[in-house]
Amino acid sequence: MAAAASACPSLVTMVAFNRRFAPLYVKAMNLAGRLGQPKTFYGRFTRPSLGSNPSDTAADWITSDASHALDLALATIGYPHSIGVSRTAVGSGPDNVWTLQLHAEQGSAVLVRSE
C-alpha cells in the first residue's frame, strides 16, 4: 500500500484493517509466541445502538462493526476452514445477540456480540 500510495500521490489511500498492527496486539502476540502459537481467540463486542444508524441491522454488525474483530481473529488463528453462526433476538427488534465460531487448522475463535 505504501508503494502504491507513493506512486500515485494525488490519490487518497487507506489501510482499513490496521488493528493487527496495533502496538498492543503486536506486543501481545510476541509475548504469546514465547509459549507457542495461540490456539484460541475470543472477542466480545457490544453495540447498544443496534437498530439505528449507521448500522441498522444485525447483518451490518458482521460486515462493518465486526470486520475488525474478524480480522484480528484471522491474524491470530489463520483462515478458517469452517464457520458457525448463531443469532437471536433478546427483547424486541432485530437479532441482537450473535455468536461466530471460526475453526482453523491452528486453532479456533469465538466472537460474541451482545447488548
Protein backbone atom coordinates (compact mmCIF):
# COMPACT_ATOMS: atom_id res chain seq x y z
CA MET A 1 0.00 0.00 0.00
CA ALA A 2 2.81 2.41 0.84
CA ALA A 3 4.44 1.86 -2.56
CA ALA A 4 1.11 2.26 -4.39
CA ALA A 5 0.34 5.46 -2.46
CA SER A 6 3.79 6.87 -3.26
CA ALA A 7 3.37 6.06 -6.95
CA CYS A 8 0.07 7.99 -7.14
CA PRO A 9 0.32 10.85 -4.61
CA SER A 10 -2.87 12.51 -5.94
CA LEU A 11 -4.97 9.52 -4.80
CA VAL A 12 -6.33 9.13 -1.29
CA THR A 13 -5.34 5.74 0.16
CA MET A 14 -6.12 3.97 3.41
CA VAL A 15 -5.32 0.72 5.19
CA ALA A 16 -8.59 -0.03 6.98
CA PHE A 17 -7.71 -3.26 8.75
CA ASN A 18 -4.88 -1.94 10.88
CA ARG A 19 -5.63 -3.33 14.35
CA ARG A 20 -3.47 -6.38 13.70
CA PHE A 21 -0.58 -3.89 13.51
CA ALA A 22 -1.56 -2.00 16.68
CA PRO A 23 1.36 -1.95 19.13
CA LEU A 24 -0.68 -3.62 21.90
CA TYR A 25 -1.72 -6.54 19.65
CA VAL A 26 1.80 -6.96 18.24
CA LYS A 27 3.25 -6.97 21.77
CA ALA A 28 0.65 -9.50 22.97
CA MET A 29 1.35 -11.80 20.02
CA ASN A 30 5.11 -11.55 20.58
CA LEU A 31 4.71 -12.44 24.26
CA ALA A 32 2.25 -15.24 23.48
CA GLY A 33 4.62 -16.57 20.82
CA ARG A 34 7.16 -17.35 23.54
CA LEU A 35 4.73 -20.00 24.77
CA GLY A 36 3.81 -21.24 21.29
CA GLN A 37 1.32 -20.34 18.59
CA PRO A 38 -2.02 -19.16 20.02
CA LYS A 39 -4.74 -21.80 19.66
CA THR A 40 -7.75 -19.68 20.66
CA PHE A 41 -9.11 -16.20 20.18
CA TYR A 42 -12.08 -14.69 22.00
CA GLY A 43 -13.63 -11.34 21.18
CA ARG A 44 -16.69 -9.73 22.75
CA PHE A 45 -18.21 -6.55 21.42
CA THR A 46 -21.33 -4.64 22.28
CA ARG A 47 -23.35 -2.17 20.30
CA PRO A 48 -26.26 -0.73 22.27
CA SER A 49 -27.49 1.27 19.26
CA LEU A 50 -28.19 -1.81 17.09
CA GLY A 51 -31.21 -0.90 15.01
CA SER A 52 -30.13 2.70 14.43
CA ASN A 53 -27.73 4.41 12.04
CA PRO A 54 -25.02 3.89 10.85
CA SER A 55 -25.68 0.13 11.03
CA ASP A 56 -29.37 -0.63 11.18
CA THR A 57 -29.42 -4.43 11.10
CA ALA A 58 -27.64 -7.28 12.79
CA ALA A 59 -26.19 -8.29 9.40
CA ASP A 60 -24.47 -4.90 9.26
CA TRP A 61 -22.70 -5.77 12.50
CA ILE A 62 -20.88 -8.62 10.78
CA THR A 63 -20.00 -6.70 7.62
CA SER A 64 -18.97 -3.43 9.25
CA ASP A 65 -18.70 -3.30 13.02
CA ALA A 66 -17.32 -6.83 13.47
CA SER A 67 -14.98 -6.76 10.49
CA HIS A 68 -12.10 -5.56 12.66
CA ALA A 69 -12.69 -8.28 15.25
CA LEU A 70 -12.85 -10.86 12.47
CA ASP A 71 -9.56 -9.58 11.07
CA LEU A 72 -7.88 -9.91 14.49
CA ALA A 73 -9.22 -13.44 14.83
CA LEU A 74 -7.83 -14.34 11.39
CA ALA A 75 -4.48 -12.75 12.26
CA THR A 76 -4.38 -14.89 15.41
CA ILE A 77 -5.62 -18.32 14.29
CA GLY A 78 -5.42 -18.21 10.49
CA TYR A 79 -8.11 -18.55 7.83
CA PRO A 80 -10.99 -20.78 8.97
CA HIS A 81 -12.00 -24.00 7.25
CA SER A 82 -15.44 -23.89 8.90
CA ILE A 83 -17.65 -21.22 10.43
CA GLY A 84 -20.65 -21.49 12.73
CA VAL A 85 -23.12 -18.66 13.34
CA SER A 86 -25.92 -18.40 15.85
CA ARG A 87 -28.14 -15.40 16.40
CA THR A 88 -31.21 -14.49 18.37
CA ALA A 89 -33.24 -11.51 19.49
CA VAL A 90 -33.32 -10.58 23.14
CA GLY A 91 -36.23 -8.23 23.65
CA SER A 92 -37.91 -6.70 20.64
CA GLY A 93 -36.30 -5.64 17.39
CA PRO A 94 -33.70 -7.28 15.16
CA ASP A 95 -31.41 -10.11 16.17
CA ASN A 96 -29.11 -8.52 18.71
CA VAL A 97 -27.09 -11.44 20.11
CA TRP A 98 -24.65 -13.17 17.77
CA THR A 99 -22.00 -15.83 18.25
CA LEU A 100 -19.50 -16.60 15.50
CA GLN A 101 -17.28 -19.68 15.75
CA LEU A 102 -14.27 -19.95 13.46
CA HIS A 103 -12.31 -23.20 13.16
CA ALA A 104 -8.88 -23.14 11.52
CA GLU A 105 -6.01 -25.61 11.29
CA GLN A 106 -4.08 -23.90 14.07
CA GLY A 107 -6.98 -23.05 16.40
CA SER A 108 -10.46 -21.68 16.99
CA ALA A 109 -12.02 -18.29 17.60
CA VAL A 110 -15.28 -17.17 19.17
CA LEU A 111 -16.72 -13.73 18.57
CA VAL A 112 -19.72 -12.64 20.62
CA ARG A 113 -21.93 -9.62 20.04
CA SER A 114 -24.38 -8.80 22.81
CA GLU A 115 -26.17 -5.85 24.33
